[in-house]
C-alpha atoms as a PDB file:
ATOM      1  CA  MET A   1      -7.893 -27.107 -30.488  1.00  0.00           C
ATOM      2  CA  PRO A   2      -9.329 -23.741 -29.624  1.00  0.00           C
ATOM      3  CA  SER A   3      -9.175 -20.945 -32.395  1.00  0.00           C
ATOM      4  CA  ASN A   4      -7.319 -17.781 -31.846  1.00  0.00           C
ATOM      5  CA  GLN A   5     -10.543 -16.036 -31.451  1.00  0.00           C
ATOM      6  CA  GLU A   6     -11.703 -18.267 -28.690  1.00  0.00           C
ATOM      7  CA  PHE A   7      -8.135 -17.659 -26.949  1.00  0.00           C
ATOM      8  CA  VAL A   8      -8.497 -13.848 -27.408  1.00  0.00           C
ATOM      9  CA  ARG A   9     -12.045 -13.969 -25.988  1.00  0.00           C
ATOM     10  CA  PHE A  10     -10.907 -15.941 -22.845  1.00  0.00           C
ATOM     11  CA  MET A  11      -7.982 -13.451 -22.243  1.00  0.00           C
ATOM     12  CA  ALA A  12     -10.511 -10.481 -22.422  1.00  0.00           C
ATOM     13  CA  MET A  13     -12.784 -12.104 -19.998  1.00  0.00           C
ATOM     14  CA  TRP A  14      -9.693 -12.879 -17.860  1.00  0.00           C
ATOM     15  CA  ALA A  15      -8.747  -9.084 -18.282  1.00  0.00           C
ATOM     16  CA  LEU A  16     -12.349  -8.224 -17.299  1.00  0.00           C
ATOM     17  CA  VAL A  17     -12.431  -9.930 -14.086  1.00  0.00           C
ATOM     18  CA  HIS A  18      -8.953  -8.524 -13.192  1.00  0.00           C
ATOM     19  CA  GLU A  19     -10.009  -5.029 -13.918  1.00  0.00           C
ATOM     20  CA  THR A  20     -13.305  -5.292 -11.908  1.00  0.00           C
ATOM     21  CA  ALA A  21     -11.369  -6.777  -8.898  1.00  0.00           C
ATOM     22  CA  ASP A  22      -8.847  -3.866  -9.311  1.00  0.00           C
ATOM     23  CA  GLU A  23     -11.573  -1.193  -9.288  1.00  0.00           C
ATOM     24  CA  GLY A  24     -13.045  -3.014  -6.266  1.00  0.00           C
ATOM     25  CA  TRP A  25      -9.676  -2.902  -4.587  1.00  0.00           C
ATOM     26  CA  LYS A  26      -9.450   0.702  -5.280  1.00  0.00           C
ATOM     27  CA  ALA A  27     -12.918   1.673  -3.881  1.00  0.00           C
ATOM     28  CA  ALA A  28     -12.096  -0.349  -0.834  1.00  0.00           C
ATOM     29  CA  VAL A  29      -8.959   1.451  -0.292  1.00  0.00           C
ATOM     30  CA  ALA A  30     -10.549   4.894  -1.088  1.00  0.00           C
ATOM     31  CA  ARG A  31     -13.399   4.113   1.578  1.00  0.00           C
ATOM     32  CA  GLY A  32     -10.707   3.021   4.247  1.00  0.00           C
ATOM     33  CA  GLU A  33      -8.721   6.117   3.657  1.00  0.00           C
ATOM     34  CA  SER A  34     -11.496   8.432   3.978  1.00  0.00           C
ATOM     35  CA  PRO A  35     -12.634   9.377   7.691  1.00  0.00           C
ATOM     36  CA  GLY A  36     -16.201   9.732   7.805  1.00  0.00           C
ATOM     37  CA  GLY A  37     -16.733   9.809   4.160  1.00  0.00           C
ATOM     38  CA  GLU A  38     -18.835   7.323   2.076  1.00  0.00           C
ATOM     39  CA  GLY A  39     -17.345   4.298   3.708  1.00  0.00           C
ATOM     40  CA  GLU A  40     -19.023   2.669   6.747  1.00  0.00           C
ATOM     41  CA  ALA A  41     -18.457   4.053  10.204  1.00  0.00           C
ATOM     42  CA  SER A  42     -18.103   0.355  11.679  1.00  0.00           C
ATOM     43  CA  GLY A  43     -18.609  -3.123  11.146  1.00  0.00           C
ATOM     44  CA  PRO A  44     -17.311  -5.831   9.055  1.00  0.00           C
ATOM     45  CA  GLY A  45     -17.264  -3.658   5.803  1.00  0.00           C
ATOM     46  CA  ALA A  46     -15.626  -0.769   7.667  1.00  0.00           C
ATOM     47  CA  PHE A  47     -12.861  -3.401   8.737  1.00  0.00           C
ATOM     48  CA  VAL A  48     -12.212  -4.687   5.245  1.00  0.00           C
ATOM     49  CA  ASP A  49     -11.893  -1.023   3.867  1.00  0.00           C
ATOM     50  CA  GLY A  50      -9.564  -0.153   6.733  1.00  0.00           C
ATOM     51  CA  LEU A  51      -7.332  -3.235   6.158  1.00  0.00           C
ATOM     52  CA  ALA A  52      -7.242  -2.493   2.202  1.00  0.00           C
ATOM     53  CA  ALA A  53      -6.151   1.211   3.046  1.00  0.00           C
ATOM     54  CA  MET A  54      -3.427  -0.106   5.578  1.00  0.00           C
ATOM     55  CA  ILE A  55      -2.066  -2.603   3.005  1.00  0.00           C
ATOM     56  CA  ALA A  56      -2.232  -0.047   0.214  1.00  0.00           C
ATOM     57  CA  GLU A  57      -0.199   2.286   2.456  1.00  0.00           C
ATOM     58  CA  GLU A  58       2.319  -0.307   3.279  1.00  0.00           C
ATOM     59  CA  LYS A  59       2.495  -0.988  -0.601  1.00  0.00           C
ATOM     60  CA  GLU A  60       3.512   2.546  -1.305  1.00  0.00           C
ATOM     61  CA  ARG A  61       6.181   2.360   1.337  1.00  0.00           C
ATOM     62  CA  LEU A  62       7.402  -0.756  -0.170  1.00  0.00           C
ATOM     63  CA  LYS A  63       7.519   0.714  -3.470  1.00  0.00           C
ATOM     64  CA  THR A  64       9.626   3.789  -2.213  1.00  0.00           C
ATOM     65  CA  GLU A  65      11.985   1.211  -0.678  1.00  0.00           C
ATOM     66  CA  LEU A  66      12.302  -0.937  -3.553  1.00  0.00           C
ATOM     67  CA  ALA A  67      12.980   2.083  -5.645  1.00  0.00           C
ATOM     68  CA  ALA A  68      15.767   3.456  -3.501  1.00  0.00           C
ATOM     69  CA  ALA A  69      17.143  -0.060  -3.184  1.00  0.00           C
ATOM     70  CA  GLU A  70      17.422  -0.353  -6.921  1.00  0.00           C
ATOM     71  CA  GLN A  71      19.584   2.755  -7.028  1.00  0.00           C
ATOM     72  CA  GLY A  72      21.922   1.396  -4.645  1.00  0.00           C
ATOM     73  CA  PRO A  73      25.075  -0.377  -6.279  1.00  0.00           C
ATOM     74  CA  ASP A  74      25.023  -3.056  -3.579  1.00  0.00           C
ATOM     75  CA  VAL A  75      21.809  -4.845  -4.501  1.00  0.00           C
ATOM     76  CA  PRO A  76      22.100  -7.378  -7.274  1.00  0.00           C
ATOM     77  CA  SER A  77      19.238  -7.417  -9.699  1.00  0.00           C
ATOM     78  CA  ALA A  78      18.951 -11.377  -9.022  1.00  0.00           C
ATOM     79  CA  ASP A  79      18.102 -10.603  -5.624  1.00  0.00           C
ATOM     80  CA  LEU A  80      15.823  -7.821  -6.353  1.00  0.00           C
ATOM     81  CA  GLU A  81      13.752  -9.884  -8.887  1.00  0.00           C
ATOM     82  CA  ALA A  82      13.785 -12.781  -6.227  1.00  0.00           C
ATOM     83  CA  ALA A  83      12.118 -10.303  -3.826  1.00  0.00           C
ATOM     84  CA  LEU A  84       9.772  -8.922  -6.283  1.00  0.00           C
ATOM     85  CA  GLU A  85       8.721 -12.316  -7.249  1.00  0.00           C
ATOM     86  CA  SER A  86       8.217 -13.168  -3.432  1.00  0.00           C
ATOM     87  CA  LEU A  87       6.238  -9.941  -3.104  1.00  0.00           C
ATOM     88  CA  ARG A  88       3.915 -10.617  -5.963  1.00  0.00           C
ATOM     89  CA  PHE A  89       3.096 -14.080  -4.515  1.00  0.00           C
ATOM     90  CA  GLU A  90       2.445 -12.642  -1.095  1.00  0.00           C
ATOM     91  CA  VAL A  91       0.125  -9.749  -2.588  1.00  0.00           C
ATOM     92  CA  ALA A  92      -1.697 -12.356  -4.496  1.00  0.00           C
ATOM     93  CA  GLU A  93      -2.163 -14.509  -1.243  1.00  0.00           C
ATOM     94  CA  VAL A  94      -3.212 -11.473   0.520  1.00  0.00           C
ATOM     95  CA  ARG A  95      -5.627 -10.387  -2.205  1.00  0.00           C
ATOM     96  CA  GLY A  96      -7.053 -13.918  -2.110  1.00  0.00           C
ATOM     97  CA  MET A  97      -7.662 -13.508   1.527  1.00  0.00           C
ATOM     98  CA  LEU A  98      -9.234 -10.165   1.377  1.00  0.00           C
ATOM     99  CA  GLU A  99     -11.520 -11.608  -1.395  1.00  0.00           C
ATOM    100  CA  SER A 100     -12.446 -14.679   0.603  1.00  0.00           C
ATOM    101  CA  LEU A 101     -13.008 -12.344   3.719  1.00  0.00           C
ATOM    102  CA  GLN A 102     -15.153  -9.945   1.719  1.00  0.00           C
ATOM    103  CA  ALA A 103     -17.268 -12.923   0.601  1.00  0.00           C
ATOM    104  CA  SER A 104     -17.688 -13.937   4.135  1.00  0.00           C
ATOM    105  CA  VAL A 105     -18.647 -10.427   5.149  1.00  0.00           C
ATOM    106  CA  ASP A 106     -21.061 -10.167   2.395  1.00  0.00           C
ATOM    107  CA  ALA A 107     -22.584 -13.738   3.453  1.00  0.00           C
ATOM    108  CA  LEU A 108     -22.784 -12.485   7.086  1.00  0.00           C
ATOM    109  CA  THR A 109     -24.472  -9.092   6.056  1.00  0.00           C
ATOM    110  CA  ALA A 110     -27.007 -11.056   3.956  1.00  0.00           C
ATOM    111  CA  ARG A 111     -27.674 -13.546   6.464  1.00  0.00           C
ATOM    112  CA  GLY A 112     -28.181 -10.756   9.030  1.00  0.00           C
ATOM    113  CA  GLY A 113     -30.351  -8.550   6.906  1.00  0.00           C
ATOM    114  CA  ASP A 114     -33.430 -10.804   7.615  1.00  0.00           C
ATOM    115  CA  GLY A 115     -34.193  -8.554  10.675  1.00  0.00           C
ATOM    116  CA  ALA A 116     -34.246 -11.508  13.140  1.00  0.00           C
ATOM    117  CA  GLY A 117     -31.456  -9.573  15.003  1.00  0.00           C
ATOM    118  CA  GLU A 118     -29.633 -12.759  16.198  1.00  0.00           C
ATOM    119  CA  PRO A 119     -25.898 -12.791  15.974  1.00  0.00           C
END
């Protein structure tokens, strides 16, 4: 049976992985939001950054809608909880797809970086 220290260590590693992913997400959103800033002007990296910025913008709109809906008396809290749980699942799915897409972009970039010039 694992000790408490091993469990705490595992949870710390898990938190570090998620914190690193969150920082990467925030950086992609910032690059996607800045026209001509530090982000790429075109290419696969720019696509991922732009998509991240679009998703972040929609997330903020959704948060505003949910906050407004929460204040209305006609929204049962059970329905709101179900909607939030569905949203959490969908966001996790999108995040997984973005990470997969970024890994593909990185692999393509690495493969294309050998100077061969072939598509």
